[in-house]
PDB file of N, CA and C in Angstrom:
ATOM      1  N   MET A   1     -15.811 -21.877  25.562  1.00  0.00           N
ATOM      2  CA  MET A   1     -16.670 -23.164  24.565  1.00  0.00           C
ATOM      3  C   MET A   1     -18.292 -23.398  25.387  1.00  0.00           C
ATOM      4  N   ASN A   2     -18.696 -23.113  26.736  1.00  0.00           N
ATOM      5  CA  ASN A   2     -19.494 -23.637  27.017  1.00  0.00           C
ATOM      6  C   ASN A   2     -21.253 -22.742  26.387  1.00  0.00           C
ATOM      7  N   PHE A   3     -20.622 -21.523  26.517  1.00  0.00           N
ATOM      8  CA  PHE A   3     -21.175 -20.490  26.013  1.00  0.00           C
ATOM      9  C   PHE A   3     -21.737 -20.827  24.376  1.00  0.00           C
ATOM     10  N   LEU A   4     -21.169 -21.184  23.288  1.00  0.00           N
ATOM     11  CA  LEU A   4     -21.397 -22.544  22.047  1.00  0.00           C
ATOM     12  C   LEU A   4     -22.239 -23.768  21.928  1.00  0.00           C
ATOM     13  N   THR A   5     -22.270 -24.232  23.191  1.00  0.00           N
ATOM     14  CA  THR A   5     -22.539 -25.936  23.327  1.00  0.00           C
ATOM     15  C   THR A   5     -24.377 -25.455  24.358  1.00  0.00           C
ATOM     16  N   PHE A   6     -24.398 -24.477  24.338  1.00  0.00           N
ATOM     17  CA  PHE A   6     -25.041 -23.668  25.704  1.00  0.00           C
ATOM     18  C   PHE A   6     -25.406 -24.587  26.774  1.00  0.00           C
ATOM     19  N   ASP A   7     -24.606 -24.523  26.756  1.00  0.00           N
ATOM     20  CA  ASP A   7     -23.426 -25.777  28.342  1.00  0.00           C
ATOM     21  C   ASP A   7     -24.145 -24.352  30.031  1.00  0.00           C
ATOM     22  N   SER A   8     -24.167 -22.741  29.199  1.00  0.00           N
ATOM     23  CA  SER A   8     -24.162 -22.495  30.428  1.00  0.00           C
ATOM     24  C   SER A   8     -25.109 -20.606  29.558  1.00  0.00           C
ATOM     25  N   PHE A   9     -25.764 -20.439  30.633  1.00  0.00           N
ATOM     26  CA  PHE A   9     -26.398 -20.170  29.775  1.00  0.00           C
ATOM     27  C   PHE A   9     -25.801 -18.484  30.348  1.00  0.00           C
ATOM     28  N   ILE A  10     -26.058 -17.179  29.247  1.00  0.00           N
ATOM     29  CA  ILE A  10     -26.264 -15.972  29.458  1.00  0.00           C
ATOM     30  C   ILE A  10     -27.703 -14.931  29.719  1.00  0.00           C
ATOM     31  N   SER A  11     -27.947 -15.355  30.095  1.00  0.00           N
ATOM     32  CA  SER A  11     -29.402 -15.230  30.151  1.00  0.00           C
ATOM     33  C   SER A  11     -29.518 -13.931  31.745  1.00  0.00           C
ATOM     34  N   VAL A  12     -28.834 -14.453  32.570  1.00  0.00           N
ATOM     35  CA  VAL A  12     -29.273 -13.467  33.638  1.00  0.00           C
ATOM     36  C   VAL A  12     -28.754 -12.487  33.942  1.00  0.00           C
ATOM     37  N   PRO A  13     -27.521 -12.149  33.351  1.00  0.00           N
ATOM     38  CA  PRO A  13     -26.822 -11.094  33.583  1.00  0.00           C
ATOM     39  C   PRO A  13     -27.470  -9.742  32.146  1.00  0.00           C
ATOM     40  N   LEU A  14     -27.444 -10.825  31.131  1.00  0.00           N
ATOM     41  CA  LEU A  14     -28.567 -10.289  30.244  1.00  0.00           C
ATOM     42  C   LEU A  14     -30.010  -9.512  30.220  1.00  0.00           C
ATOM     43  N   LEU A  15     -30.814 -10.565  31.038  1.00  0.00           N
ATOM     44  CA  LEU A  15     -32.994 -10.299  31.604  1.00  0.00           C
ATOM     45  C   LEU A  15     -32.242  -9.097  32.307  1.00  0.00           C
ATOM     46  N   ILE A  16     -30.970  -8.955  33.619  1.00  0.00           N
ATOM     47  CA  ILE A  16     -31.556  -7.771  34.223  1.00  0.00           C
ATOM     48  C   ILE A  16     -30.767  -7.333  33.314  1.00  0.00           C
ATOM     49  N   ALA A  17     -30.260  -6.524  32.768  1.00  0.00           N
ATOM     50  CA  ALA A  17     -29.627  -5.373  31.649  1.00  0.00           C
ATOM     51  C   ALA A  17     -30.607  -4.767  30.718  1.00  0.00           C
ATOM     52  N   PHE A  18     -32.498  -5.529  30.268  1.00  0.00           N
ATOM     53  CA  PHE A  18     -33.596  -5.844  29.416  1.00  0.00           C
ATOM     54  C   PHE A  18     -33.427  -5.111  30.473  1.00  0.00           C
ATOM     55  N   TYR A  19     -34.280  -5.634  32.169  1.00  0.00           N
ATOM     56  CA  TYR A  19     -34.988  -4.481  33.310  1.00  0.00           C
ATOM     57  C   TYR A  19     -35.522  -3.896  33.861  1.00  0.00           C
ATOM     58  N   TYR A  20     -33.583  -3.590  33.081  1.00  0.00           N
ATOM     59  CA  TYR A  20     -33.491  -1.736  33.753  1.00  0.00           C
ATOM     60  C   TYR A  20     -33.838  -0.904  32.714  1.00  0.00           C
ATOM     61  N   LEU A  21     -32.837  -1.975  30.982  1.00  0.00           N
ATOM     62  CA  LEU A  21     -33.564  -0.711  29.968  1.00  0.00           C
ATOM     63  C   LEU A  21     -35.170  -0.646  29.969  1.00  0.00           C
ATOM     64  N   GLY A  22     -35.890  -1.236  30.182  1.00  0.00           N
ATOM     65  CA  GLY A  22     -37.526  -0.768  30.153  1.00  0.00           C
ATOM     66  C   GLY A  22     -37.998  -0.587  31.399  1.00  0.00           C
ATOM     67  N   ALA A  23     -37.095  -0.376  32.464  1.00  0.00           N
ATOM     68  CA  ALA A  23     -38.016  -0.062  33.881  1.00  0.00           C
ATOM     69  C   ALA A  23     -37.493   1.932  33.434  1.00  0.00           C
ATOM     70  N   LEU A  24     -35.950   2.083  32.806  1.00  0.00           N
ATOM     71  CA  LEU A  24     -36.008   2.643  32.489  1.00  0.00           C
ATOM     72  C   LEU A  24     -37.322   4.219  30.802  1.00  0.00           C
ATOM     73  N   MET A  25     -36.947   3.034  30.636  1.00  0.00           N
ATOM     74  CA  MET A  25     -37.314   3.698  29.059  1.00  0.00           C
ATOM     75  C   MET A  25     -39.246   3.514  29.033  1.00  0.00           C
ATOM     76  N   ILE A  26     -39.763   2.263  29.515  1.00  0.00           N
ATOM     77  CA  ILE A  26     -41.506   3.078  29.719  1.00  0.00           C
ATOM     78  C   ILE A  26     -41.476   4.225  29.673  1.00  0.00           C
ATOM     79  N   PRO A  27     -41.096   5.139  31.319  1.00  0.00           N
ATOM     80  CA  PRO A  27     -40.850   6.064  31.936  1.00  0.00           C
ATOM     81  C   PRO A  27     -40.550   7.688  30.800  1.00  0.00           C
ATOM     82  N   ALA A  28     -39.285   7.481  30.472  1.00  0.00           N
ATOM     83  CA  ALA A  28     -38.832   7.870  29.456  1.00  0.00           C
ATOM     84  C   ALA A  28     -39.995   8.212  28.432  1.00  0.00           C
ATOM     85  N   LEU A  29     -39.999   7.449  27.764  1.00  0.00           N
ATOM     86  CA  LEU A  29     -41.159   6.971  26.229  1.00  0.00           C
ATOM     87  C   LEU A  29     -42.679   7.451  27.003  1.00  0.00           C
ATOM     88  N   LEU A  30     -43.328   7.752  27.066  1.00  0.00           N
ATOM     89  CA  LEU A  30     -44.537   8.706  28.360  1.00  0.00           C
ATOM     90  C   LEU A  30     -44.309  10.269  28.922  1.00  0.00           C
ATOM     91  N   TRP A  31     -42.574  10.429  28.687  1.00  0.00           N
ATOM     92  CA  TRP A  31     -42.433  11.450  28.806  1.00  0.00           C
ATOM     93  C   TRP A  31     -42.405  11.743  27.514  1.00  0.00           C
ATOM     94  N   TYR A  32     -42.321  11.135  26.434  1.00  0.00           N
ATOM     95  CA  TYR A  32     -41.192  11.506  25.000  1.00  0.00           C
ATOM     96  C   TYR A  32     -43.057  11.526  24.419  1.00  0.00           C
ATOM     97  N   LYS A  33     -44.264  10.594  24.494  1.00  0.00           N
ATOM     98  CA  LYS A  33     -45.406  10.488  24.032  1.00  0.00           C
ATOM     99  C   LYS A  33     -46.491  11.372  24.803  1.00  0.00           C
ATOM    100  N   ARG A  34     -45.763  12.458  25.817  1.00  0.00           N
ATOM    101  CA  ARG A  34     -46.796  12.545  26.750  1.00  0.00           C
ATOM    102  C   ARG A  34     -48.396  13.664  25.676  1.00  0.00           C
ATOM    103  N   THR A  35     -48.004  13.528  25.127  1.00  0.00           N
ATOM    104  CA  THR A  35     -48.852  14.603  23.993  1.00  0.00           C
ATOM    105  C   THR A  35     -50.304  13.347  23.666  1.00  0.00           C
ATOM    106  N   TRP A  36     -49.251  12.264  23.388  1.00  0.00           N
ATOM    107  CA  TRP A  36     -50.524  11.191  23.318  1.00  0.00           C
ATOM    108  C   TRP A  36     -51.217  10.664  24.416  1.00  0.00           C
ATOM    109  N   VAL A  37     -50.113  11.116  25.371  1.00  0.00           N
ATOM    110  CA  VAL A  37     -51.024  10.937  27.151  1.00  0.00           C
ATOM    111  C   VAL A  37     -51.904  11.860  27.058  1.00  0.00           C
ATOM    112  N   ILE A  38     -51.532  13.085  27.150  1.00  0.00           N
ATOM    113  CA  ILE A  38     -52.909  13.902  27.242  1.00  0.00           C
ATOM    114  C   ILE A  38     -53.757  14.392  26.512  1.00  0.00           C
ATOM    115  N   LYS A  39     -54.345  14.178  25.251  1.00  0.00           N
ATOM    116  CA  LYS A  39     -55.792  13.821  24.371  1.00  0.00           C
ATOM    117  C   LYS A  39     -55.460  12.272  24.921  1.00  0.00           C
ATOM    118  N   ILE A  40     -55.206  11.093  25.404  1.00  0.00           N
ATOM    119  CA  ILE A  40     -56.246  10.718  25.493  1.00  0.00           C
ATOM    120  C   ILE A  40     -56.814  10.167  27.438  1.00  0.00           C
ATOM    121  N   ALA A  41     -56.019  10.954  28.137  1.00  0.00           N
ATOM    122  CA  ALA A  41     -56.471  11.586  29.353  1.00  0.00           C
ATOM    123  C   ALA A  41     -56.931  13.028  29.292  1.00  0.00           C
ATOM    124  N   ASP A  42     -57.452  13.583  27.943  1.00  0.00           N
ATOM    125  CA  ASP A  42     -58.840  14.625  28.107  1.00  0.00           C
ATOM    126  C   ASP A  42     -60.795  13.547  27.376  1.00  0.00           C
ATOM    127  N   ALA A  43     -59.860  13.159  26.675  1.00  0.00           N
ATOM    128  CA  ALA A  43     -60.860  11.495  26.173  1.00  0.00           C
ATOM    129  C   ALA A  43     -61.556  11.230  27.061  1.00  0.00           C
ATOM    130  N   LEU A  44     -61.030  10.951  28.100  1.00  0.00           N
ATOM    131  CA  LEU A  44     -61.277  10.082  29.588  1.00  0.00           C
ATOM    132  C   LEU A  44     -62.139  11.179  30.506  1.00  0.00           C
ATOM    133  N   MET A  45     -61.487  12.684  30.444  1.00  0.00           N
ATOM    134  CA  MET A  45     -62.169  13.330  31.451  1.00  0.00           C
ATOM    135  C   MET A  45     -63.509  14.113  30.027  1.00  0.00           C
ATOM    136  N   ARG A  46     -63.542  13.810  29.180  1.00  0.00           N
ATOM    137  CA  ARG A  46     -64.677  14.279  28.639  1.00  0.00           C
ATOM    138  C   ARG A  46     -65.921  13.100  28.365  1.00  0.00           C
ATOM    139  N   THR A  47     -65.021  12.094  28.395  1.00  0.00           N
ATOM    140  CA  THR A  47     -66.276  10.825  28.197  1.00  0.00           C
ATOM    141  C   THR A  47     -67.216  10.193  30.160  1.00  0.00           C
ATOM    142  N   PHE A  48     -65.788  10.106  30.640  1.00  0.00           N
ATOM    143  CA  PHE A  48     -66.110   9.904  31.748  1.00  0.00           C
ATOM    144  C   PHE A  48     -65.840  11.234  33.070  1.00  0.00           C
ATOM    145  N   PRO A  49     -67.349  11.553  33.949  1.00  0.00           N
ATOM    146  CA  PRO A  49     -67.262  12.875  34.786  1.00  0.00           C
ATOM    147  C   PRO A  49     -66.083  12.514  36.458  1.00  0.00           C
ATOM    148  N   ILE A  50     -64.769  12.388  35.550  1.00  0.00           N
ATOM    149  CA  ILE A  50     -62.956  12.089  36.508  1.00  0.00           C
ATOM    150  C   ILE A  50     -62.648  13.131  36.464  1.00  0.00           C
ATOM    151  N   SER A  51     -62.621  14.277  37.626  1.00  0.00           N
ATOM    152  CA  SER A  51     -61.666  14.982  37.951  1.00  0.00           C
ATOM    153  C   SER A  51     -59.997  14.880  37.595  1.00  0.00           C
ATOM    154  N   THR A  52     -59.083  16.212  37.576  1.00  0.00           N
ATOM    155  CA  THR A  52     -58.080  15.907  37.325  1.00  0.00           C
ATOM    156  C   THR A  52     -56.810  15.417  37.349  1.00  0.00           C
ATOM    157  N   SER A  53     -57.223  15.330  39.672  1.00  0.00           N
ATOM    158  CA  SER A  53     -56.307  14.792  40.275  1.00  0.00           C
ATOM    159  C   SER A  53     -56.616  13.291  40.527  1.00  0.00           C
ATOM    160  N   ARG A  54     -57.743  12.922  40.514  1.00  0.00           N
ATOM    161  CA  ARG A  54     -57.948  11.334  40.477  1.00  0.00           C
ATOM    162  C   ARG A  54     -57.513  11.071  38.582  1.00  0.00           C
ATOM    163  N   LEU A  55     -57.751  11.724  37.670  1.00  0.00           N
ATOM    164  CA  LEU A  55     -56.912  10.596  36.949  1.00  0.00           C
ATOM    165  C   LEU A  55     -55.771  10.803  36.996  1.00  0.00           C
ATOM    166  N   ILE A  56     -54.831  11.766  37.257  1.00  0.00           N
ATOM    167  CA  ILE A  56     -53.334  11.786  37.700  1.00  0.00           C
ATOM    168  C   ILE A  56     -53.356  10.818  38.579  1.00  0.00           C
ATOM    169  N   LEU A  57     -53.895  10.407  39.929  1.00  0.00           N
ATOM    170  CA  LEU A  57     -53.395   9.329  40.421  1.00  0.00           C
ATOM    171  C   LEU A  57     -53.547   8.278  39.848  1.00  0.00           C
ATOM    172  N   GLY A  58     -54.781   8.121  38.958  1.00  0.00           N
ATOM    173  CA  GLY A  58     -55.125   6.638  38.609  1.00  0.00           C
ATOM    174  C   GLY A  58     -53.730   6.989  37.410  1.00  0.00           C
ATOM    175  N   PHE A  59     -53.201   7.657  36.097  1.00  0.00           N
ATOM    176  CA  PHE A  59     -51.708   6.315  35.761  1.00  0.00           C
ATOM    177  C   PHE A  59     -51.017   6.654  36.780  1.00  0.00           C
ATOM    178  N   MET A  60     -50.356   7.787  37.473  1.00  0.00           N
ATOM    179  CA  MET A  60     -49.278   7.001  38.784  1.00  0.00           C
ATOM    180  C   MET A  60     -49.639   5.911  39.005  1.00  0.00           C
ATOM    181  N   LEU A  61     -51.230   5.597  39.968  1.00  0.00           N
ATOM    182  CA  LEU A  61     -51.225   3.863  40.390  1.00  0.00           C
ATOM    183  C   LEU A  61     -50.945   2.661  38.627  1.00  0.00           C
ATOM    184  N   LEU A  62     -51.626   3.218  37.891  1.00  0.00           N
ATOM    185  CA  LEU A  62     -51.310   2.124  36.947  1.00  0.00           C
ATOM    186  C   LEU A  62     -49.996   2.059  36.124  1.00  0.00           C
ATOM    187  N   LEU A  63     -48.948   3.070  35.977  1.00  0.00           N
ATOM    188  CA  LEU A  63     -47.862   3.116  35.486  1.00  0.00           C
ATOM    189  C   LEU A  63     -46.608   2.553  37.024  1.00  0.00           C
ATOM    190  N   ILE A  64     -47.463   2.504  38.381  1.00  0.00           N
ATOM    191  CA  ILE A  64     -46.782   1.412  38.903  1.00  0.00           C
ATOM    192  C   ILE A  64     -47.181   0.170  39.299  1.00  0.00           C
ATOM    193  N   GLY A  65     -47.825  -0.350  38.993  1.00  0.00           N
ATOM    194  CA  GLY A  65     -49.125  -2.042  38.442  1.00  0.00           C
ATOM    195  C   GLY A  65     -47.813  -2.099  37.382  1.00  0.00           C
ATOM    196  N   PHE A  66     -48.153  -0.759  36.095  1.00  0.00           N
ATOM    197  CA  PHE A  66     -46.574  -1.596  35.700  1.00  0.00           C
ATOM    198  C   PHE A  66     -45.726  -1.665  35.596  1.00  0.00           C
ATOM    199  N   GLU A  67     -44.948  -1.192  36.537  1.00  0.00           N
ATOM    200  CA  GLU A  67     -43.691  -1.396  36.582  1.00  0.00           C
ATOM    201  C   GLU A  67     -43.474  -2.509  37.537  1.00  0.00           C
ATOM    202  N   LEU A  68     -44.168  -2.995  38.725  1.00  0.00           N
ATOM    203  CA  LEU A  68     -44.663  -4.199  39.672  1.00  0.00           C
ATOM    204  C   LEU A  68     -44.554  -5.284  38.614  1.00  0.00           C
ATOM    205  N   VAL A  69     -45.668  -5.073  37.405  1.00  0.00           N
ATOM    206  CA  VAL A  69     -45.600  -6.000  36.764  1.00  0.00           C
ATOM    207  C   VAL A  69     -44.392  -6.824  36.663  1.00  0.00           C
ATOM    208  N   TRP A  70     -43.592  -5.885  35.324  1.00  0.00           N
ATOM    209  CA  TRP A  70     -42.524  -5.847  34.708  1.00  0.00           C
ATOM    210  C   TRP A  70     -41.362  -6.130  35.244  1.00  0.00           C
ATOM    211  N   ARG A  71     -40.790  -6.048  36.749  1.00  0.00           N
ATOM    212  CA  ARG A  71     -39.997  -6.754  37.804  1.00  0.00           C
ATOM    213  C   ARG A  71     -41.005  -7.937  37.721  1.00  0.00           C
ATOM    214  N   MET A  72     -42.015  -8.444  38.185  1.00  0.00           N
ATOM    215  CA  MET A  72     -41.750  -9.771  39.146  1.00  0.00           C
ATOM    216  C   MET A  72     -41.323 -10.287  37.740  1.00  0.00           C
ATOM    217  N   MET A  73     -42.071  -9.750  36.171  1.00  0.00           N
ATOM    218  CA  MET A  73     -41.766 -11.229  35.352  1.00  0.00           C
ATOM    219  C   MET A  73     -39.831 -11.770  35.564  1.00  0.00           C
ATOM    220  N   PHE A  74     -39.367 -10.767  35.368  1.00  0.00           N
ATOM    221  CA  PHE A  74     -37.834 -10.379  35.494  1.00  0.00           C
ATOM    222  C   PHE A  74     -37.768 -11.413  36.445  1.00  0.00           C
ATOM    223  N   GLU A  75     -38.442 -11.162  37.896  1.00  0.00           N
ATOM    224  CA  GLU A  75     -37.838 -11.948  38.058  1.00  0.00           C
ATOM    225  C   GLU A  75     -38.131 -14.010  38.514  1.00  0.00           C
ATOM    226  N   MET A  76     -38.704 -13.930  37.276  1.00  0.00           N
ATOM    227  CA  MET A  76     -40.121 -15.263  37.701  1.00  0.00           C
ATOM    228  C   MET A  76     -38.737 -15.743  36.509  1.00  0.00           C
ATOM    229  N   LEU A  77     -37.753 -14.969  35.415  1.00  0.00           N
ATOM    230  CA  LEU A  77     -37.204 -16.145  34.688  1.00  0.00           C
ATOM    231  C   LEU A  77     -36.522 -15.817  35.435  1.00  0.00           C
ATOM    232  N   ILE A  78     -35.804 -14.493  35.749  1.00  0.00           N
ATOM    233  CA  ILE A  78     -34.762 -15.217  36.699  1.00  0.00           C
ATOM    234  C   ILE A  78     -34.401 -16.288  37.208  1.00  0.00           C
ATOM    235  N   GLY A  79     -35.351 -16.668  37.987  1.00  0.00           N
ATOM    236  CA  GLY A  79     -35.800 -17.056  39.628  1.00  0.00           C
ATOM    237  C   GLY A  79     -36.106 -18.457  38.186  1.00  0.00           C
ATOM    238  N   TYR A  80     -35.821 -19.236  36.760  1.00  0.00           N
ATOM    239  CA  TYR A  80     -35.513 -20.077  36.474  1.00  0.00           C
ATOM    240  C   TYR A  80     -34.950 -20.479  36.434  1.00  0.00           C
ATOM    241  N   PHE A  81     -34.017 -19.892  35.368  1.00  0.00           N
ATOM    242  CA  PHE A  81     -33.230 -20.173  35.198  1.00  0.00           C
ATOM    243  C   PHE A  81     -31.245 -19.974  36.296  1.00  0.00           C
ATOM    244  N   LYS A  82     -32.116 -19.740  37.624  1.00  0.00           N
ATOM    245  CA  LYS A  82     -31.412 -20.263  38.616  1.00  0.00           C
ATOM    246  C   LYS A  82     -31.391 -21.564  38.547  1.00  0.00           C
ATOM    247  N   MET A  83     -32.747 -22.010  39.131  1.00  0.00           N
ATOM    248  CA  MET A  83     -33.179 -22.958  39.112  1.00  0.00           C
ATOM    249  C   MET A  83     -32.597 -23.518  38.269  1.00  0.00           C
ATOM    250  N   ILE A  84     -32.438 -24.313  37.162  1.00  0.00           N
ATOM    251  CA  ILE A  84     -32.191 -24.522  36.296  1.00  0.00           C
ATOM    252  C   ILE A  84     -30.635 -24.755  35.957  1.00  0.00           C
ATOM    253  N   GLU A  85     -30.272 -23.589  36.593  1.00  0.00           N
ATOM    254  CA  GLU A  85     -28.888 -23.566  36.687  1.00  0.00           C
ATOM    255  C   GLU A  85     -27.948 -24.784  38.086  1.00  0.00           C
ATOM    256  N   TYR A  86     -28.885 -24.443  38.841  1.00  0.00           N
ATOM    257  CA  TYR A  86     -28.640 -25.292  40.542  1.00  0.00           C
ATOM    258  C   TYR A  86     -29.103 -26.996  40.278  1.00  0.00           C
ATOM    259  N   LEU A  87     -30.340 -27.076  39.147  1.00  0.00           N
ATOM    260  CA  LEU A  87     -30.120 -28.681  38.988  1.00  0.00           C
ATOM    261  C   LEU A  87     -29.366 -29.101  38.836  1.00  0.00           C
ATOM    262  N   ARG A  88     -28.781 -28.290  37.331  1.00  0.00           N
ATOM    263  CA  ARG A  88     -27.407 -29.380  36.723  1.00  0.00           C
ATOM    264  C   ARG A  88     -26.560 -29.104  37.791  1.00  0.00           C
ATOM    265  N   HIS A  89     -26.025 -28.481  38.927  1.00  0.00           N
ATOM    266  CA  HIS A  89     -25.438 -28.514  39.752  1.00  0.00           C
ATOM    267  C   HIS A  89     -25.482 -29.744  40.186  1.00  0.00           C
ATOM    268  N   ILE A  90     -26.043 -30.154  41.351  1.00  0.00           N
ATOM    269  CA  ILE A  90     -26.878 -31.028  42.161  1.00  0.00           C
ATOM    270  C   ILE A  90     -27.009 -32.507  40.541  1.00  0.00           C
ATOM    271  N   ALA A  91     -27.561 -32.308  39.836  1.00  0.00           N
ATOM    272  CA  ALA A  91     -27.233 -33.714  38.606  1.00  0.00           C
ATOM    273  C   ALA A  91     -25.534 -33.407  38.855  1.00  0.00           C
ATOM    274  N   GLY A  92     -24.654 -32.848  38.143  1.00  0.00           N
ATOM    275  CA  GLY A  92     -23.078 -33.013  37.556  1.00  0.00           C
ATOM    276  C   GLY A  92     -22.373 -33.163  38.600  1.00  0.00           C
TER     277      GLY A  92
END
């Protein structure tokens, strides 16, 4: 009944599930669309004088950066919902 009246949140387990789904799907999607990534890499190498190793290192750092931002976003949301639950526990 608390779920139907929005007195309890289902968001924390759901957010954790979406985090892992996204953390696994982002690299899988990049692998699936690797021809698109290779076209972008070729365009970057033609436009700017970048070596292949620097380009690969740049893509790897960019992927790690996106994964880190993805993690921090979900940590912030989970912390927000846990703070609300804690404040409700103190008040009631």
